[in-house]
């Protein structure tokens, strides 16, 4: 891809397809992580929204690949999606690179500790592979989607749940960046976080990536990006931000809510099946 560097310098846009990427690296300073982030508060703020969204996502999945299909959730984190899928009768398995989280979730489900696809054997096949807020953090999306092609059954389904480059909040952050306010744009990329976004897809650019890797689109949908009730807790979990900054951020999002309802959501869901073509060599 012919990537063109934009401002800020870590932001790049493909001149051919418009896919966005970054050269951001994980940020770890000398402070303990608990001084940077209140993870318990963040998880509490996100839990209800994500669990409801996972049920919505599984409704979409079930219409294409009903249980008892074999499902692999890459980057299964707290195991919320695995739990919901198991209740619906899917044969579930997860991959989680964080050792502590993998051990915790592994007490209830089959979870492989490590990175996708390294922890899989060549014979491992699944009917469904899901990426819930994970794909945009991977350093090589081409390698990852090619591995999905190898590890899916012939009628298997690849499911992405990830940020939308056409979403309302993201568009507003780009607009503000043009006026010199880069903070919201950097936050959308999680630029100061231990695991920043390395890519940002629109439905069209993700469709193009999938097509090059011999996948055809089955479905495109949206999920709500936040709930008003948990927004303040979600913003304040970042202890590196001042109270004034958090207040301005909260007020800005709340003020934009009526307009956001008229714009595309900042979370997209796209599902793909194998097309029968030969994947391009990367």
C-alpha atoms as a PDB file:
ATOM      1  CA  UNK A   1       0.000   0.000   0.000  1.00  0.00           C
ATOM      2  CA  UNK A   2       1.140   3.534  -0.781  1.00  0.00           C
ATOM      3  CA  UNK A   3       0.801   5.097   2.655  1.00  0.00           C
ATOM      4  CA  UNK A   4       0.928   8.882   2.917  1.00  0.00           C
ATOM      5  CA  UNK A   5       1.964  10.489   6.194  1.00  0.00           C
ATOM      6  CA  UNK A   6      -0.486  13.048   7.550  1.00  0.00           C
ATOM      7  CA  UNK A   7      -0.667  15.192  10.667  1.00  0.00           C
ATOM      8  CA  UNK A   8      -0.004  14.079  13.334  1.00  0.00           C
ATOM      9  CA  UNK A   9       3.096  12.319  12.031  1.00  0.00           C
ATOM     10  CA  UNK A  10       2.020   8.889  13.300  1.00  0.00           C
ATOM     11  CA  UNK A  11      -1.136   8.933  11.157  1.00  0.00           C
ATOM     12  CA  UNK A  12      -1.043   7.459   7.643  1.00  0.00           C
ATOM     13  CA  UNK A  13      -3.653   7.075   4.902  1.00  0.00           C
ATOM     14  CA  UNK A  14      -3.398   4.747   1.915  1.00  0.00           C
ATOM     15  CA  UNK A  15      -3.419   6.767  -1.307  1.00  0.00           C
ATOM     16  CA  UNK A  16      -5.119   3.917  -3.172  1.00  0.00           C
ATOM     17  CA  UNK A  17      -7.849   2.561  -0.899  1.00  0.00           C
ATOM     18  CA  UNK A  18      -8.125   5.134   1.898  1.00  0.00           C
ATOM     19  CA  UNK A  19      -7.364   2.684   4.712  1.00  0.00           C
ATOM     20  CA  UNK A  20      -5.945   4.470   7.744  1.00  0.00           C
ATOM     21  CA  UNK A  21      -3.029   3.222   9.834  1.00  0.00           C
ATOM     22  CA  UNK A  22      -0.679   4.460  12.522  1.00  0.00           C
ATOM     23  CA  UNK A  23       2.899   4.010  13.619  1.00  0.00           C
ATOM     24  CA  UNK A  24       1.854   4.288  17.262  1.00  0.00           C
ATOM     25  CA  UNK A  25       3.606   2.116  19.815  1.00  0.00           C
ATOM     26  CA  UNK A  26       2.394   0.975  23.242  1.00  0.00           C
ATOM     27  CA  UNK A  27       2.934   3.651  25.899  1.00  0.00           C
ATOM     28  CA  UNK A  28       4.393   2.465  29.176  1.00  0.00           C
ATOM     29  CA  UNK A  29       6.016   5.013  31.465  1.00  0.00           C
ATOM     30  CA  UNK A  30       7.631   4.466  34.844  1.00  0.00           C
ATOM     31  CA  UNK A  31       4.367   4.738  36.758  1.00  0.00           C
ATOM     32  CA  UNK A  32       2.476   1.624  37.788  1.00  0.00           C
ATOM     33  CA  UNK A  33      -0.463   0.926  35.491  1.00  0.00           C
ATOM     34  CA  UNK A  34      -2.931   1.527  38.313  1.00  0.00           C
ATOM     35  CA  UNK A  35      -1.694   5.125  38.472  1.00  0.00           C
ATOM     36  CA  UNK A  36      -2.456   5.611  34.767  1.00  0.00           C
ATOM     37  CA  UNK A  37      -5.811   3.833  34.514  1.00  0.00           C
ATOM     38  CA  UNK A  38      -8.606   2.752  36.795  1.00  0.00           C
ATOM     39  CA  UNK A  39      -9.278  -0.543  35.026  1.00  0.00           C
ATOM     40  CA  UNK A  40     -12.022  -1.598  37.432  1.00  0.00           C
ATOM     41  CA  UNK A  41     -13.920   1.621  36.759  1.00  0.00           C
ATOM     42  CA  UNK A  42     -13.405   1.236  33.010  1.00  0.00           C
ATOM     43  CA  UNK A  43     -14.611  -2.350  33.016  1.00  0.00           C
ATOM     44  CA  UNK A  44     -17.622  -1.409  35.097  1.00  0.00           C
ATOM     45  CA  UNK A  45     -18.497   1.381  32.664  1.00  0.00           C
ATOM     46  CA  UNK A  46     -18.091  -0.874  29.627  1.00  0.00           C
ATOM     47  CA  UNK A  47     -19.560  -4.112  30.959  1.00  0.00           C
ATOM     48  CA  UNK A  48     -23.260  -3.430  30.442  1.00  0.00           C
ATOM     49  CA  UNK A  49     -22.815  -1.920  26.975  1.00  0.00           C
ATOM     50  CA  UNK A  50     -20.532  -4.667  25.720  1.00  0.00           C
ATOM     51  CA  UNK A  51     -22.684  -7.475  27.074  1.00  0.00           C
ATOM     52  CA  UNK A  52     -25.776  -6.018  25.387  1.00  0.00           C
ATOM     53  CA  UNK A  53     -23.819  -5.462  22.166  1.00  0.00           C
ATOM     54  CA  UNK A  54     -22.548  -9.037  22.257  1.00  0.00           C
ATOM     55  CA  UNK A  55     -26.129 -10.281  22.379  1.00  0.00           C
ATOM     56  CA  UNK A  56     -26.959  -8.065  19.406  1.00  0.00           C
ATOM     57  CA  UNK A  57     -23.895  -9.358  17.589  1.00  0.00           C
ATOM     58  CA  UNK A  58     -24.800 -12.976  18.273  1.00  0.00           C
ATOM     59  CA  UNK A  59     -28.275 -12.363  16.865  1.00  0.00           C
ATOM     60  CA  UNK A  60     -26.570 -11.372  13.610  1.00  0.00           C
ATOM     61  CA  UNK A  61     -24.133 -14.298  13.726  1.00  0.00           C
ATOM     62  CA  UNK A  62     -26.894 -16.834  14.393  1.00  0.00           C
ATOM     63  CA  UNK A  63     -28.746 -15.781  11.251  1.00  0.00           C
ATOM     64  CA  UNK A  64     -25.724 -16.845   9.156  1.00  0.00           C
ATOM     65  CA  UNK A  65     -23.980 -19.502  11.269  1.00  0.00           C
ATOM     66  CA  UNK A  66     -26.319 -20.970  13.900  1.00  0.00           C
ATOM     67  CA  UNK A  67     -25.217 -23.071  16.892  1.00  0.00           C
ATOM     68  CA  UNK A  68     -23.693 -25.547  17.528  1.00  0.00           C
ATOM     69  CA  UNK A  69     -20.960 -24.164  15.265  1.00  0.00           C
ATOM     70  CA  UNK A  70     -17.381 -24.153  16.540  1.00  0.00           C
ATOM     71  CA  UNK A  71     -16.442 -20.559  17.438  1.00  0.00           C
ATOM     72  CA  UNK A  72     -13.042 -18.989  18.144  1.00  0.00           C
ATOM     73  CA  UNK A  73     -12.946 -15.549  19.787  1.00  0.00           C
ATOM     74  CA  UNK A  74      -9.558 -13.880  19.222  1.00  0.00           C
ATOM     75  CA  UNK A  75      -8.593 -11.643  22.134  1.00  0.00           C
ATOM     76  CA  UNK A  76     -11.385 -12.901  24.352  1.00  0.00           C
ATOM     77  CA  UNK A  77     -10.453 -10.578  27.274  1.00  0.00           C
ATOM     78  CA  UNK A  78     -12.926 -10.999  30.161  1.00  0.00           C
ATOM     79  CA  UNK A  79     -14.754 -13.817  28.374  1.00  0.00           C
ATOM     80  CA  UNK A  80     -18.058 -11.944  28.095  1.00  0.00           C
ATOM     81  CA  UNK A  81     -18.539 -12.892  24.444  1.00  0.00           C
ATOM     82  CA  UNK A  82     -17.581 -16.513  25.109  1.00  0.00           C
ATOM     83  CA  UNK A  83     -20.100 -16.680  27.931  1.00  0.00           C
ATOM     84  CA  UNK A  84     -22.901 -15.296  25.762  1.00  0.00           C
ATOM     85  CA  UNK A  85     -22.023 -17.606  22.851  1.00  0.00           C
ATOM     86  CA  UNK A  86     -21.903 -20.658  25.104  1.00  0.00           C
ATOM     87  CA  UNK A  87     -25.383 -19.902  26.437  1.00  0.00           C
ATOM     88  CA  UNK A  88     -26.616 -20.021  22.855  1.00  0.00           C
ATOM     89  CA  UNK A  89     -25.110 -23.438  22.280  1.00  0.00           C
ATOM     90  CA  UNK A  90     -21.923 -22.617  20.382  1.00  0.00           C
ATOM     91  CA  UNK A  91     -18.787 -24.711  20.880  1.00  0.00           C
ATOM     92  CA  UNK A  92     -16.480 -21.995  22.118  1.00  0.00           C
ATOM     93  CA  UNK A  93     -12.771 -21.384  22.432  1.00  0.00           C
ATOM     94  CA  UNK A  94     -10.751 -18.242  23.049  1.00  0.00           C
ATOM     95  CA  UNK A  95      -7.288 -16.814  22.494  1.00  0.00           C
ATOM     96  CA  UNK A  96      -5.933 -14.232  24.930  1.00  0.00           C
ATOM     97  CA  UNK A  97      -2.351 -12.858  25.025  1.00  0.00           C
ATOM     98  CA  UNK A  98      -2.582 -11.519  28.591  1.00  0.00           C
ATOM     99  CA  UNK A  99      -1.458 -14.366  30.865  1.00  0.00           C
ATOM    100  CA  UNK A 100      -3.413 -13.256  33.934  1.00  0.00           C
ATOM    101  CA  UNK A 101      -6.623 -12.719  32.010  1.00  0.00           C
ATOM    102  CA  UNK A 102      -6.200 -15.988  30.123  1.00  0.00           C
ATOM    103  CA  UNK A 103      -5.761 -17.847  33.403  1.00  0.00           C
ATOM    104  CA  UNK A 104      -8.836 -16.194  34.908  1.00  0.00           C
ATOM    105  CA  UNK A 105     -11.127 -16.787  31.924  1.00  0.00           C
ATOM    106  CA  UNK A 106      -9.551 -20.191  31.339  1.00  0.00           C
ATOM    107  CA  UNK A 107     -11.015 -21.379  34.616  1.00  0.00           C
ATOM    108  CA  UNK A 108     -14.429 -21.350  32.922  1.00  0.00           C
ATOM    109  CA  UNK A 109     -13.668 -21.753  29.209  1.00  0.00           C
ATOM    110  CA  UNK A 110     -11.041 -23.216  26.891  1.00  0.00           C
ATOM    111  CA  UNK A 111      -8.608 -20.338  26.382  1.00  0.00           C
ATOM    112  CA  UNK A 112      -5.214 -20.488  24.707  1.00  0.00           C
ATOM    113  CA  UNK A 113      -2.709 -18.011  26.079  1.00  0.00           C
ATOM    114  CA  UNK A 114      -0.739 -16.355  23.289  1.00  0.00           C
ATOM    115  CA  UNK A 115      -1.159 -14.602  19.972  1.00  0.00           C
ATOM    116  CA  UNK A 116      -3.246 -15.426  16.931  1.00  0.00           C
ATOM    117  CA  UNK A 117      -2.447 -17.452  14.890  1.00  0.00           C
ATOM    118  CA  UNK A 118       0.741 -18.626  16.631  1.00  0.00           C
ATOM    119  CA  UNK A 119      -1.098 -20.690  19.259  1.00  0.00           C
ATOM    120  CA  UNK A 120      -3.043 -22.659  16.640  1.00  0.00           C
ATOM    121  CA  UNK A 121      -1.876 -25.802  14.902  1.00  0.00           C
ATOM    122  CA  UNK A 122      -2.232 -26.225  11.143  1.00  0.00           C
ATOM    123  CA  UNK A 123      -5.127 -28.651  11.691  1.00  0.00           C
ATOM    124  CA  UNK A 124      -7.235 -26.305  13.846  1.00  0.00           C
ATOM    125  CA  UNK A 125     -10.422 -25.362  11.994  1.00  0.00           C
ATOM    126  CA  UNK A 126     -13.382 -23.266  13.132  1.00  0.00           C
ATOM    127  CA  UNK A 127     -16.807 -22.444  11.738  1.00  0.00           C
ATOM    128  CA  UNK A 128     -16.655 -18.895  13.096  1.00  0.00           C
ATOM    129  CA  UNK A 129     -13.712 -16.644  13.992  1.00  0.00           C
ATOM    130  CA  UNK A 130     -14.538 -13.391  15.773  1.00  0.00           C
ATOM    131  CA  UNK A 131     -12.540 -10.235  16.486  1.00  0.00           C
ATOM    132  CA  UNK A 132     -14.264  -8.022  19.058  1.00  0.00           C
ATOM    133  CA  UNK A 133     -12.381  -4.716  19.366  1.00  0.00           C
ATOM    134  CA  UNK A 134      -9.167  -6.586  18.552  1.00  0.00           C
ATOM    135  CA  UNK A 135      -8.418  -6.475  14.814  1.00  0.00           C
ATOM    136  CA  UNK A 136      -7.540  -2.763  14.873  1.00  0.00           C
ATOM    137  CA  UNK A 137      -4.764  -3.466  17.400  1.00  0.00           C
ATOM    138  CA  UNK A 138      -2.965  -6.110  15.307  1.00  0.00           C
ATOM    139  CA  UNK A 139       0.414  -5.173  13.782  1.00  0.00           C
ATOM    140  CA  UNK A 140      -0.190  -7.089  10.517  1.00  0.00           C
ATOM    141  CA  UNK A 141      -3.817  -7.266   9.432  1.00  0.00           C
ATOM    142  CA  UNK A 142      -2.942  -8.960   6.138  1.00  0.00           C
ATOM    143  CA  UNK A 143      -1.187 -11.783   7.939  1.00  0.00           C
ATOM    144  CA  UNK A 144      -4.070 -12.110  10.367  1.00  0.00           C
ATOM    145  CA  UNK A 145      -6.825 -12.274   7.756  1.00  0.00           C
ATOM    146  CA  UNK A 146      -4.796 -14.747   5.673  1.00  0.00           C
ATOM    147  CA  UNK A 147      -4.524 -16.946   8.778  1.00  0.00           C
ATOM    148  CA  UNK A 148      -8.297 -16.718   9.213  1.00  0.00           C
ATOM    149  CA  UNK A 149      -8.728 -18.106   5.702  1.00  0.00           C
ATOM    150  CA  UNK A 150      -6.557 -21.097   6.613  1.00  0.00           C
ATOM    151  CA  UNK A 151      -8.294 -21.792   9.922  1.00  0.00           C
ATOM    152  CA  UNK A 152     -11.909 -21.439   8.799  1.00  0.00           C
ATOM    153  CA  UNK A 153     -13.925 -24.331   7.439  1.00  0.00           C
ATOM    154  CA  UNK A 154     -15.097 -24.079   3.838  1.00  0.00           C
ATOM    155  CA  UNK A 155     -18.394 -22.504   4.910  1.00  0.00           C
ATOM    156  CA  UNK A 156     -16.841 -20.632   7.823  1.00  0.00           C
ATOM    157  CA  UNK A 157     -17.669 -17.055   8.797  1.00  0.00           C
ATOM    158  CA  UNK A 158     -15.230 -14.279   9.744  1.00  0.00           C
ATOM    159  CA  UNK A 159     -16.735 -11.676  12.091  1.00  0.00           C
ATOM    160  CA  UNK A 160     -15.362  -8.189  12.768  1.00  0.00           C
ATOM    161  CA  UNK A 161     -16.657  -5.851  15.481  1.00  0.00           C
ATOM    162  CA  UNK A 162     -14.460  -2.753  15.382  1.00  0.00           C
ATOM    163  CA  UNK A 163     -14.256   1.074  15.208  1.00  0.00           C
ATOM    164  CA  UNK A 164     -15.666   2.792  12.123  1.00  0.00           C
ATOM    165  CA  UNK A 165     -13.628   5.413  10.244  1.00  0.00           C
ATOM    166  CA  UNK A 166     -16.936   6.785   8.938  1.00  0.00           C
ATOM    167  CA  UNK A 167     -18.441   7.045  12.428  1.00  0.00           C
ATOM    168  CA  UNK A 168     -19.823  10.297  13.789  1.00  0.00           C
ATOM    169  CA  UNK A 169     -17.403  10.722  16.687  1.00  0.00           C
ATOM    170  CA  UNK A 170     -14.418   9.878  14.505  1.00  0.00           C
ATOM    171  CA  UNK A 171     -15.509  12.380  11.854  1.00  0.00           C
ATOM    172  CA  UNK A 172     -15.929  15.072  14.485  1.00  0.00           C
ATOM    173  CA  UNK A 173     -12.465  14.313  15.903  1.00  0.00           C
ATOM    174  CA  UNK A 174     -10.946  14.691  12.422  1.00  0.00           C
ATOM    175  CA  UNK A 175     -12.770  17.994  11.973  1.00  0.00           C
ATOM    176  CA  UNK A 176     -11.480  19.282  15.315  1.00  0.00           C
ATOM    177  CA  UNK A 177      -7.966  18.163  14.387  1.00  0.00           C
ATOM    178  CA  UNK A 178      -8.193  20.406  11.321  1.00  0.00           C
ATOM    179  CA  UNK A 179      -8.797  23.352  13.650  1.00  0.00           C
ATOM    180  CA  UNK A 180      -5.790  22.479  15.791  1.00  0.00           C
ATOM    181  CA  UNK A 181      -7.511  20.402  18.488  1.00  0.00           C
ATOM    182  CA  UNK A 182      -5.736  17.041  18.186  1.00  0.00           C
ATOM    183  CA  UNK A 183      -6.733  15.633  21.596  1.00  0.00           C
ATOM    184  CA  UNK A 184     -10.015  13.947  20.553  1.00  0.00           C
ATOM    185  CA  UNK A 185      -8.394  12.479  17.414  1.00  0.00           C
ATOM    186  CA  UNK A 186      -5.500  11.044  19.429  1.00  0.00           C
ATOM    187  CA  UNK A 187      -7.994   9.626  21.924  1.00  0.00           C
ATOM    188  CA  UNK A 188      -9.929   7.874  19.138  1.00  0.00           C
ATOM    189  CA  UNK A 189      -6.666   6.180  18.172  1.00  0.00           C
ATOM    190  CA  UNK A 190      -5.854   5.493  21.852  1.00  0.00           C
ATOM    191  CA  UNK A 191      -2.513   7.165  21.175  1.00  0.00           C
ATOM    192  CA  UNK A 192      -1.475   7.377  24.827  1.00  0.00           C
ATOM    193  CA  UNK A 193      -2.676   3.909  25.779  1.00  0.00           C
ATOM    194  CA  UNK A 194      -0.757   0.664  26.291  1.00  0.00           C
ATOM    195  CA  UNK A 195      -2.510  -0.822  23.239  1.00  0.00           C
ATOM    196  CA  UNK A 196      -3.150   1.888  20.600  1.00  0.00           C
ATOM    197  CA  UNK A 197      -5.084   1.419  17.376  1.00  0.00           C
ATOM    198  CA  UNK A 198      -2.802   0.498  14.496  1.00  0.00           C
ATOM    199  CA  UNK A 199      -5.510   0.576  11.808  1.00  0.00           C
ATOM    200  CA  UNK A 200      -8.861   2.293  11.327  1.00  0.00           C
ATOM    201  CA  UNK A 201     -11.302   0.807   8.839  1.00  0.00           C
ATOM    202  CA  UNK A 202     -14.430   1.978   7.108  1.00  0.00           C
ATOM    203  CA  UNK A 203     -16.856  -0.638   5.755  1.00  0.00           C
ATOM    204  CA  UNK A 204     -15.379  -0.074   2.288  1.00  0.00           C
ATOM    205  CA  UNK A 205     -11.706  -0.455   3.267  1.00  0.00           C
ATOM    206  CA  UNK A 206     -12.375  -3.569   5.364  1.00  0.00           C
ATOM    207  CA  UNK A 207     -14.377  -5.017   2.477  1.00  0.00           C
ATOM    208  CA  UNK A 208     -11.438  -4.374   0.173  1.00  0.00           C
ATOM    209  CA  UNK A 209      -8.975  -6.080   2.527  1.00  0.00           C
ATOM    210  CA  UNK A 210     -11.276  -9.073   2.870  1.00  0.00           C
ATOM    211  CA  UNK A 211     -11.787  -9.326  -0.894  1.00  0.00           C
ATOM    212  CA  UNK A 212      -8.023  -9.422  -1.522  1.00  0.00           C
ATOM    213  CA  UNK A 213      -7.839 -12.343   0.881  1.00  0.00           C
ATOM    214  CA  UNK A 214     -10.592 -14.349  -0.843  1.00  0.00           C
ATOM    215  CA  UNK A 215     -13.517 -13.395   1.386  1.00  0.00           C
ATOM    216  CA  UNK A 216     -16.917 -12.121   0.283  1.00  0.00           C
ATOM    217  CA  UNK A 217     -19.163  -9.942   2.403  1.00  0.00           C
ATOM    218  CA  UNK A 218     -22.180 -11.525   4.042  1.00  0.00           C
ATOM    219  CA  UNK A 219     -23.411  -8.689   6.253  1.00  0.00           C
ATOM    220  CA  UNK A 220     -22.685  -5.134   7.387  1.00  0.00           C
ATOM    221  CA  UNK A 221     -24.355  -3.624  10.447  1.00  0.00           C
ATOM    222  CA  UNK A 222     -23.743  -1.251  13.363  1.00  0.00           C
ATOM    223  CA  UNK A 223     -23.642  -1.309  17.157  1.00  0.00           C
ATOM    224  CA  UNK A 224     -24.010   1.659  19.541  1.00  0.00           C
ATOM    225  CA  UNK A 225     -20.588   3.002  20.634  1.00  0.00           C
ATOM    226  CA  UNK A 226     -21.541   4.162  24.137  1.00  0.00           C
ATOM    227  CA  UNK A 227     -24.314   4.553  26.671  1.00  0.00           C
ATOM    228  CA  UNK A 228     -24.891   7.987  28.164  1.00  0.00           C
ATOM    229  CA  UNK A 229     -25.220   6.523  31.681  1.00  0.00           C
ATOM    230  CA  UNK A 230     -21.683   5.101  31.669  1.00  0.00           C
ATOM    231  CA  UNK A 231     -19.922   7.808  29.686  1.00  0.00           C
ATOM    232  CA  UNK A 232     -18.505   9.781  32.636  1.00  0.00           C
ATOM    233  CA  UNK A 233     -17.014   6.700  34.297  1.00  0.00           C
ATOM    234  CA  UNK A 234     -15.495   5.628  31.003  1.00  0.00           C
ATOM    235  CA  UNK A 235     -13.841   9.022  30.490  1.00  0.00           C
ATOM    236  CA  UNK A 236     -12.613   9.327  34.089  1.00  0.00           C
ATOM    237  CA  UNK A 237     -10.929   5.903  34.115  1.00  0.00           C
ATOM    238  CA  UNK A 238      -7.936   7.595  32.449  1.00  0.00           C
ATOM    239  CA  UNK A 239      -6.070   9.043  35.420  1.00  0.00           C
ATOM    240  CA  UNK A 240      -3.611  10.877  33.178  1.00  0.00           C
ATOM    241  CA  UNK A 241      -6.359  13.338  32.205  1.00  0.00           C
ATOM    242  CA  UNK A 242      -7.295  16.293  34.391  1.00  0.00           C
ATOM    243  CA  UNK A 243     -10.782  16.778  35.757  1.00  0.00           C
ATOM    244  CA  UNK A 244     -11.157  19.841  33.506  1.00  0.00           C
ATOM    245  CA  UNK A 245     -10.188  17.840  30.401  1.00  0.00           C
ATOM    246  CA  UNK A 246     -12.590  15.045  31.337  1.00  0.00           C
ATOM    247  CA  UNK A 247     -15.402  17.530  31.923  1.00  0.00           C
ATOM    248  CA  UNK A 248     -14.885  19.184  28.543  1.00  0.00           C
ATOM    249  CA  UNK A 249     -14.748  15.772  26.830  1.00  0.00           C
ATOM    250  CA  UNK A 250     -17.960  14.625  28.514  1.00  0.00           C
ATOM    251  CA  UNK A 251     -19.763  17.861  27.693  1.00  0.00           C
ATOM    252  CA  UNK A 252     -18.599  17.715  24.088  1.00  0.00           C
ATOM    253  CA  UNK A 253     -19.873  14.187  23.539  1.00  0.00           C
ATOM    254  CA  UNK A 254     -23.151  14.894  25.314  1.00  0.00           C
ATOM    255  CA  UNK A 255     -23.674  17.978  23.180  1.00  0.00           C
ATOM    256  CA  UNK A 256     -23.009  15.960  20.023  1.00  0.00           C
ATOM    257  CA  UNK A 257     -25.471  13.152  20.873  1.00  0.00           C
ATOM    258  CA  UNK A 258     -28.392  14.577  18.816  1.00  0.00           C
ATOM    259  CA  UNK A 259     -26.118  14.919  15.781  1.00  0.00           C
ATOM    260  CA  UNK A 260     -24.515  11.502  16.276  1.00  0.00           C
ATOM    261  CA  UNK A 261     -27.939   9.880  15.954  1.00  0.00           C
ATOM    262  CA  UNK A 262     -28.050  11.187  12.382  1.00  0.00           C
ATOM    263  CA  UNK A 263     -24.586   9.872  11.493  1.00  0.00           C
ATOM    264  CA  UNK A 264     -23.099   6.373  11.078  1.00  0.00           C
ATOM    265  CA  UNK A 265     -22.215   4.608  14.320  1.00  0.00           C
ATOM    266  CA  UNK A 266     -18.614   4.467  15.486  1.00  0.00           C
ATOM    267  CA  UNK A 267     -18.834   0.674  15.754  1.00  0.00           C
ATOM    268  CA  UNK A 268     -19.330  -1.485  12.683  1.00  0.00           C
ATOM    269  CA  UNK A 269     -19.997  -5.198  12.355  1.00  0.00           C
ATOM    270  CA  UNK A 270     -18.976  -6.944   9.159  1.00  0.00           C
ATOM    271  CA  UNK A 271     -19.134 -10.646   8.377  1.00  0.00           C
ATOM    272  CA  UNK A 272     -17.408 -12.456   5.543  1.00  0.00           C
ATOM    273  CA  UNK A 273     -17.364 -15.952   4.093  1.00  0.00           C
ATOM    274  CA  UNK A 274     -14.808 -17.599   1.840  1.00  0.00           C
ATOM    275  CA  UNK A 275     -15.316 -16.613  -1.791  1.00  0.00           C
ATOM    276  CA  UNK A 276     -13.636 -19.582  -3.437  1.00  0.00           C
ATOM    277  CA  UNK A 277     -10.993 -17.342  -5.001  1.00  0.00           C
ATOM    278  CA  UNK A 278      -7.277 -17.611  -4.320  1.00  0.00           C
ATOM    279  CA  UNK A 279      -5.973 -15.191  -1.683  1.00  0.00           C
ATOM    280  CA  UNK A 280      -3.430 -12.655  -2.889  1.00  0.00           C
ATOM    281  CA  UNK A 281       0.181 -13.269  -1.835  1.00  0.00           C
ATOM    282  CA  UNK A 282       1.425 -10.634   0.647  1.00  0.00           C
END
